[in-house]
C-alpha atoms as a PDB file:
ATOM      1  CA  MET A   1     136.671 103.603 119.288  1.00  0.00           C
ATOM      2  CA  PHE A   2     137.640 103.168 122.930  1.00  0.00           C
ATOM      3  CA  ASN A   3     138.155  99.417 122.468  1.00  0.00           C
ATOM      4  CA  GLY A   4     136.246  98.591 125.669  1.00  0.00           C
ATOM      5  CA  HIS A   5     137.910 101.320 127.756  1.00  0.00           C
ATOM      6  CA  TYR A   6     135.206 103.985 127.519  1.00  0.00           C
ATOM      7  CA  ALA A   7     134.598 106.372 130.390  1.00  0.00           C
ATOM      8  CA  GLU A   8     132.736 109.671 130.318  1.00  0.00           C
ATOM      9  CA  ASP A   9     135.785 111.615 131.499  1.00  0.00           C
ATOM     10  CA  LYS A  10     138.064 110.301 128.718  1.00  0.00           C
ATOM     11  CA  ILE A  11     139.381 112.659 126.053  1.00  0.00           C
ATOM     12  CA  LEU A  12     139.514 111.011 122.632  1.00  0.00           C
ATOM     13  CA  LEU A  13     142.599 111.803 120.569  1.00  0.00           C
ATOM     14  CA  LEU A  14     142.814 110.732 116.937  1.00  0.00           C
ATOM     15  CA  SER A  15     145.844 110.214 114.754  1.00  0.00           C
ATOM     16  CA  VAL A  16     145.332 109.343 111.093  1.00  0.00           C
ATOM     17  CA  GLY A  17     148.094 108.494 108.657  1.00  0.00           C
ATOM     18  CA  ARG A  18     150.813 106.112 107.632  1.00  0.00           C
ATOM     19  CA  ILE A  19     152.545 104.537 110.621  1.00  0.00           C
ATOM     20  CA  SER A  20     156.265 104.995 110.053  1.00  0.00           C
ATOM     21  CA  PRO A  21     159.272 106.091 112.180  1.00  0.00           C
ATOM     22  CA  GLU A  22     159.554 109.567 110.645  1.00  0.00           C
ATOM     23  CA  LYS A  23     156.058 110.435 111.952  1.00  0.00           C
ATOM     24  CA  ASN A  24     157.408 110.645 115.554  1.00  0.00           C
ATOM     25  CA  PHE A  25     154.810 108.427 117.191  1.00  0.00           C
ATOM     26  CA  ASP A  26     157.104 108.157 120.211  1.00  0.00           C
ATOM     27  CA  PHE A  27     155.916 111.668 121.091  1.00  0.00           C
ATOM     28  CA  LEU A  28     152.366 110.339 121.429  1.00  0.00           C
ATOM     29  CA  VAL A  29     153.494 107.804 124.030  1.00  0.00           C
ATOM     30  CA  GLN A  30     154.730 110.739 126.107  1.00  0.00           C
ATOM     31  CA  VAL A  31     151.412 112.563 125.639  1.00  0.00           C
ATOM     32  CA  LEU A  32     149.520 109.572 127.039  1.00  0.00           C
ATOM     33  CA  LYS A  33     151.846 109.345 130.038  1.00  0.00           C
ATOM     34  CA  ARG A  34     151.280 113.009 130.793  1.00  0.00           C
ATOM     35  CA  PHE A  35     147.498 112.898 130.326  1.00  0.00           C
ATOM     36  CA  PRO A  36     146.031 109.756 131.910  1.00  0.00           C
ATOM     37  CA  ARG A  37     142.469 110.745 130.905  1.00  0.00           C
ATOM     38  CA  ALA A  38     143.466 110.706 127.234  1.00  0.00           C
ATOM     39  CA  PHE A  39     142.630 107.806 124.926  1.00  0.00           C
ATOM     40  CA  LEU A  40     144.320 107.604 121.536  1.00  0.00           C
ATOM     41  CA  CYS A  41     142.927 105.982 118.399  1.00  0.00           C
ATOM     42  CA  ILE A  42     145.468 105.461 115.666  1.00  0.00           C
ATOM     43  CA  VAL A  43     144.003 105.015 112.199  1.00  0.00           C
ATOM     44  CA  GLY A  44     146.296 103.753 109.477  1.00  0.00           C
ATOM     45  CA  GLY A  45     148.869 101.137 108.748  1.00  0.00           C
ATOM     46  CA  GLY A  46     152.483 100.929 107.797  1.00  0.00           C
ATOM     47  CA  PRO A  47     155.835  99.295 108.383  1.00  0.00           C
ATOM     48  CA  TYR A  48     156.243 100.618 111.925  1.00  0.00           C
ATOM     49  CA  LYS A  49     152.922  99.396 113.329  1.00  0.00           C
ATOM     50  CA  GLU A  50     154.090  96.042 114.726  1.00  0.00           C
ATOM     51  CA  SER A  51     157.068  97.528 116.557  1.00  0.00           C
ATOM     52  CA  LEU A  52     155.060 100.542 117.739  1.00  0.00           C
ATOM     53  CA  GLU A  53     152.046  98.777 119.275  1.00  0.00           C
ATOM     54  CA  PRO A  54     153.886  97.368 122.341  1.00  0.00           C
ATOM     55  CA  LEU A  55     155.099 100.866 123.285  1.00  0.00           C
ATOM     56  CA  PHE A  56     151.571 102.190 123.843  1.00  0.00           C
ATOM     57  CA  PRO A  57     149.497 101.410 126.949  1.00  0.00           C
ATOM     58  CA  SER A  58     146.625  99.170 125.803  1.00  0.00           C
ATOM     59  CA  GLU A  59     144.174 100.823 128.219  1.00  0.00           C
ATOM     60  CA  GLN A  60     144.817 104.167 126.487  1.00  0.00           C
ATOM     61  CA  THR A  61     145.322 103.180 122.862  1.00  0.00           C
ATOM     62  CA  HIS A  62     143.498 101.443 120.038  1.00  0.00           C
ATOM     63  CA  PHE A  63     145.067 100.746 116.651  1.00  0.00           C
ATOM     64  CA  MET A  64     142.101 100.770 114.288  1.00  0.00           C
ATOM     65  CA  GLY A  65     143.916  99.912 111.068  1.00  0.00           C
ATOM     66  CA  PHE A  66     143.147 101.422 107.687  1.00  0.00           C
ATOM     67  CA  LEU A  67     139.770 103.163 107.413  1.00  0.00           C
ATOM     68  CA  GLN A  68     138.152 105.009 104.541  1.00  0.00           C
ATOM     69  CA  GLY A  69     134.850 106.536 103.555  1.00  0.00           C
ATOM     70  CA  GLN A  70     132.129 106.718 106.180  1.00  0.00           C
ATOM     71  CA  GLU A  71     134.163 104.785 108.772  1.00  0.00           C
ATOM     72  CA  LEU A  72     136.965 107.349 108.535  1.00  0.00           C
ATOM     73  CA  ALA A  73     134.477 110.226 108.644  1.00  0.00           C
ATOM     74  CA  ASN A  74     132.935 108.722 111.795  1.00  0.00           C
ATOM     75  CA  ALA A  75     136.369 108.488 113.421  1.00  0.00           C
ATOM     76  CA  TYR A  76     137.040 112.172 112.733  1.00  0.00           C
ATOM     77  CA  ALA A  77     133.589 113.150 114.000  1.00  0.00           C
ATOM     78  CA  SER A  78     134.036 111.154 117.223  1.00  0.00           C
ATOM     79  CA  ALA A  79     137.385 112.623 118.224  1.00  0.00           C
ATOM     80  CA  ASP A  80     137.823 115.462 120.680  1.00  0.00           C
ATOM     81  CA  TYR A  81     141.241 116.330 119.239  1.00  0.00           C
ATOM     82  CA  PHE A  82     143.157 115.432 116.103  1.00  0.00           C
ATOM     83  CA  ILE A  83     146.814 114.910 116.910  1.00  0.00           C
END
């Protein structure tokens, strides 16, 4: 889930849902700036994904796409915080 950026001191944040402007993903960019040890996995897809990806630091973010079933359950189980 860390997309090659794993470190033992990282805190794994997870966001799951449709990626669209009304979800206020810009707030999550600010969270990452404030907490450099945080790593964010974003699960889902939507119309805002392509314009949103460049706003997030690649060393702190991984867009995982749409997951379901056991893969989604594993993502939830791996996260330290759901945001």
